[in-house]
Structures are given as C-alpha cells and as structure tokens.
Amino acid sequence: MTEPQMKSEAGPAVRAAGALAIVAVLVALLFWLDPVALYPWIKAAHVIAVISWMAGMLYLPRLFVYHAEAERGSDKSETFKVMERRLLRAIINPAMVATWVLGLWLAWRGFGFVGGWLHAKIAAVLLLSGVHGYLSASVRRFAEDRNERPTHHWRIVNEIPTVLMIVIVILVVVKPF
C-alpha cells in the first residue's frame, strides 16, 4: 500500500467508532421492528454469519504464518498484504458485525438474555472479538512491515479461535448450566 493510500484511509479509532455505530443502529432496528415471524430466518442468517466469521478468523492467522516467512518488500509479502486486508475488510469485519447484531437479537428475543450458558457464550464471543481486534491490528503491522512475531506465534494464535469456537458450540448445543 502506498503512503497516500494509507493516509487517505480512516484511522483505526474512526473505523471502530463507525462499526460500533452501525452495530448499534442495526440492533436498534431489529429490536424496534421485532420481526417475530422472521425468527428462523434471523437464526439462519446468524449461523451463516458465524460460519463466515470463523472461516476468516481461522484463515487470517494461517496467512500470517506464511507472511512472516516471506521477505519484507518481496512480491510474495505484498501479495499477502492484499489478501489479508481484503479478507479482513470484505469477510471478517462484516461477518462479525452481522454475528453480533443477529446474535444479540436472538439472545433477547429467544432467551430474554437469561441463562448461565448464554452469559458464558457471550463472554466467549467477547473474547473472540478481542482476538479479532488483535488480528486487525496485526494486519496493520504486516501492512507496514512491522511484524516482529515469528511463525510459531501465529501457529499458536491460529488455535485460539478454534478453542473458543468449540466452547461456544458446546454452550449453545448442550446448555450445560
């Protein structure tokens, strides 16, 4: 990415504030509209969003493994930068927003935000969102050729979304408490 392109992009705080505003507006619309008849469709859309989010969260650290091995400034490194940025902006970020918006509506409409399993699930999704934030910051570091982490680090990070996904699925399906 050239320097003018980097300067023309909104800063991370502005983008984060914009994303939070979008989430707030979409959640407010869902609560206001209360489309009870659409419950199974909203649930299906939530599952699709989760699958998309997880696919990206599992793939991005894998790209980092290969990117960390590439020589800085090489064609290979530049290709990874494009792939990482597009994956984050076109798939992972929108999927996370949809997951949260639809998931909050389902938690409210389907369960009234009641249940220990649901509280634990929301906590795990918050952790997954934190990992998302870490990966987003890492995309910026790689784009600026400032990654200092070895491939071993990214191999370990690649497992974190998997563990959280397993916990979340067990909580949703088994509802152990």
Protein backbone atom coordinates (compact mmCIF):
# COMPACT_ATOMS: atom_id res chain seq x y z
CA MET A 1 0.00 0.00 0.00
CA THR A 2 1.41 3.41 -0.91
CA GLU A 3 1.78 6.20 1.62
CA PRO A 4 -1.05 8.33 0.12
CA GLN A 5 -3.37 5.31 0.27
CA MET A 6 -2.54 4.77 3.94
CA LYS A 7 -3.10 8.45 4.76
CA SER A 8 -6.44 8.54 2.93
CA GLU A 9 -7.83 5.68 5.00
CA ALA A 10 -9.64 6.48 8.22
CA GLY A 11 -7.73 5.75 11.39
CA PRO A 12 -8.48 2.61 13.39
CA ALA A 13 -10.38 4.53 16.08
CA VAL A 14 -12.62 6.20 13.49
CA ARG A 15 -13.31 2.87 11.77
CA ALA A 16 -14.04 1.21 15.12
CA ALA A 17 -16.42 4.00 16.11
CA GLY A 18 -18.15 3.72 12.75
CA ALA A 19 -18.52 -0.04 13.14
CA LEU A 20 -19.95 0.36 16.65
CA ALA A 21 -22.42 2.95 15.35
CA ILE A 22 -23.53 0.59 12.57
CA VAL A 23 -23.98 -2.25 15.06
CA ALA A 24 -25.98 0.00 17.40
CA VAL A 25 -28.27 1.17 14.59
CA LEU A 26 -28.85 -2.37 13.27
CA VAL A 27 -29.54 -3.74 16.74
CA ALA A 28 -31.94 -0.86 17.43
CA LEU A 29 -33.76 -1.56 14.14
CA LEU A 30 -34.10 -5.25 14.94
CA PHE A 31 -35.44 -4.51 18.42
CA TRP A 32 -37.80 -1.87 17.08
CA LEU A 33 -39.09 -3.96 14.17
CA ASP A 34 -39.32 -7.15 16.28
CA PRO A 35 -39.83 -9.47 13.31
CA VAL A 36 -41.08 -12.49 15.27
CA ALA A 37 -42.15 -14.31 12.13
CA LEU A 38 -38.63 -13.94 10.81
CA TYR A 39 -37.03 -15.69 13.82
CA PRO A 40 -35.90 -18.82 11.92
CA TRP A 41 -34.52 -16.68 9.09
CA ILE A 42 -32.63 -14.46 11.51
CA LYS A 43 -31.29 -17.57 13.24
CA ALA A 44 -30.15 -18.98 9.87
CA ALA A 45 -28.51 -15.67 8.95
CA HIS A 46 -26.76 -15.67 12.34
CA VAL A 47 -25.36 -19.16 11.74
CA ILE A 48 -24.19 -18.15 8.25
CA ALA A 49 -22.52 -15.03 9.68
CA VAL A 50 -20.82 -17.10 12.39
CA ILE A 51 -19.50 -19.59 9.82
CA SER A 52 -18.17 -16.74 7.68
CA TRP A 53 -16.56 -15.02 10.67
CA MET A 54 -14.94 -18.23 11.86
CA ALA A 55 -13.67 -19.10 8.38
CA GLY A 56 -11.87 -15.77 8.25
CA MET A 57 -10.65 -15.99 11.84
CA LEU A 58 -9.11 -19.38 11.09
CA TYR A 59 -7.61 -18.37 7.74
CA LEU A 60 -6.08 -14.99 8.65
CA PRO A 61 -3.56 -16.29 11.21
CA ARG A 62 -2.61 -19.01 8.71
CA LEU A 63 -1.85 -16.25 6.18
CA PHE A 64 0.28 -14.60 8.88
CA VAL A 65 2.30 -17.81 9.25
CA TYR A 66 3.24 -17.66 5.56
CA HIS A 67 3.60 -13.88 5.53
CA ALA A 68 6.03 -13.97 8.47
CA GLU A 69 8.21 -16.33 6.42
CA ALA A 70 8.21 -14.03 3.38
CA GLU A 71 10.97 -11.49 2.85
CA ARG A 72 9.84 -7.93 3.59
CA GLY A 73 9.14 -5.96 0.44
CA SER A 74 9.04 -9.06 -1.76
CA ASP A 75 6.25 -9.70 -4.25
CA LYS A 76 5.12 -12.55 -2.00
CA SER A 77 4.89 -10.24 1.01
CA GLU A 78 2.96 -7.64 -0.98
CA THR A 79 0.51 -10.29 -2.17
CA PHE A 80 -0.11 -11.41 1.42
CA LYS A 81 -0.79 -7.78 2.41
CA VAL A 82 -3.53 -7.53 -0.20
CA MET A 83 -5.02 -10.91 0.75
CA GLU A 84 -5.04 -10.07 4.48
CA ARG A 85 -6.59 -6.64 4.00
CA ARG A 86 -9.31 -7.93 1.68
CA LEU A 87 -10.11 -10.90 3.93
CA LEU A 88 -10.43 -8.63 6.95
CA ARG A 89 -12.49 -5.90 5.31
CA ALA A 90 -14.67 -7.92 2.94
CA ILE A 91 -15.39 -11.01 5.03
CA ILE A 92 -14.26 -10.97 8.66
CA ASN A 93 -15.42 -7.49 9.71
CA PRO A 94 -18.90 -7.63 8.09
CA ALA A 95 -19.41 -11.19 9.35
CA MET A 96 -18.53 -10.15 12.90
CA VAL A 97 -20.97 -7.23 12.76
CA ALA A 98 -23.75 -9.48 11.45
CA THR A 99 -22.95 -12.12 14.07
CA TRP A 100 -23.22 -9.60 16.90
CA VAL A 101 -26.34 -7.83 15.61
CA LEU A 102 -28.26 -11.01 14.89
CA GLY A 103 -26.92 -12.82 17.96
CA LEU A 104 -27.96 -10.04 20.34
CA TRP A 105 -31.44 -10.02 18.85
CA LEU A 106 -31.70 -13.82 19.19
CA ALA A 107 -30.44 -13.67 22.79
CA TRP A 108 -33.06 -11.07 23.63
CA ARG A 109 -36.00 -12.46 21.63
CA GLY A 110 -35.33 -16.15 22.17
CA PHE A 111 -33.95 -16.20 25.71
CA GLY A 112 -34.50 -12.78 27.26
CA PHE A 113 -30.77 -12.69 28.00
CA VAL A 114 -31.39 -15.36 30.67
CA GLY A 115 -29.28 -18.45 31.27
CA GLY A 116 -25.81 -19.14 32.58
CA TRP A 117 -24.86 -20.86 29.33
CA LEU A 118 -25.88 -17.73 27.40
CA HIS A 119 -23.82 -15.45 29.64
CA ALA A 120 -20.81 -17.77 29.23
CA LYS A 121 -21.37 -17.83 25.46
CA ILE A 122 -21.48 -14.04 25.27
CA ALA A 123 -18.26 -13.90 27.32
CA ALA A 124 -16.60 -16.33 24.89
CA VAL A 125 -17.82 -14.26 21.92
CA LEU A 126 -16.36 -11.17 23.60
CA LEU A 127 -13.03 -12.99 23.85
CA LEU A 128 -13.31 -13.97 20.18
CA SER A 129 -13.97 -10.31 19.37
CA GLY A 130 -10.80 -9.42 21.28
CA VAL A 131 -8.86 -11.91 19.15
CA HIS A 132 -10.48 -10.26 16.11
CA GLY A 133 -9.14 -6.90 17.31
CA TYR A 134 -5.66 -8.37 17.78
CA LEU A 135 -5.73 -9.83 14.27
CA SER A 136 -6.95 -6.50 12.84
CA ALA A 137 -4.04 -4.68 14.48
CA SER A 138 -1.72 -7.38 13.14
CA VAL A 139 -2.97 -6.79 9.58
CA ARG A 140 -1.92 -3.16 10.02
CA ARG A 141 1.50 -4.17 11.39
CA PHE A 142 2.10 -6.55 8.48
CA ALA A 143 0.96 -3.85 6.01
CA GLU A 144 3.57 -1.51 7.48
CA ASP A 145 6.25 -4.26 7.52
CA ARG A 146 6.36 -4.05 11.32
CA ASN A 147 5.57 -7.65 12.24
CA GLU A 148 8.05 -8.87 14.84
CA ARG A 149 6.27 -12.14 15.66
CA PRO A 150 7.72 -15.46 14.47
CA THR A 151 5.72 -18.06 12.58
CA HIS A 152 5.46 -20.12 15.80
CA HIS A 153 3.47 -17.30 17.42
CA TRP A 154 1.00 -17.22 14.53
CA ARG A 155 0.61 -21.02 14.62
CA ILE A 156 -0.44 -20.74 18.28
CA VAL A 157 -2.74 -17.76 17.61
CA ASN A 158 -4.36 -19.81 14.85
CA GLU A 159 -5.63 -22.25 17.50
CA ILE A 160 -7.31 -19.66 19.75
CA PRO A 161 -10.41 -19.13 17.55
CA THR A 162 -10.76 -22.91 17.27
CA VAL A 163 -10.80 -23.38 21.04
CA LEU A 164 -13.29 -20.53 21.50
CA MET A 165 -15.49 -21.95 18.73
CA ILE A 166 -15.57 -25.34 20.46
CA VAL A 167 -16.53 -23.74 23.78
CA ILE A 168 -19.26 -21.63 22.13
CA VAL A 169 -20.78 -24.56 20.21
CA ILE A 170 -20.85 -26.74 23.34
CA LEU A 171 -22.51 -23.95 25.32
CA VAL A 172 -25.16 -23.42 22.63
CA VAL A 173 -25.94 -27.06 21.92
CA VAL A 174 -25.51 -28.68 25.35
CA LYS A 175 -26.53 -25.68 27.52
CA PRO A 176 -24.67 -27.21 30.49
CA PHE A 177 -25.87 -24.61 33.01
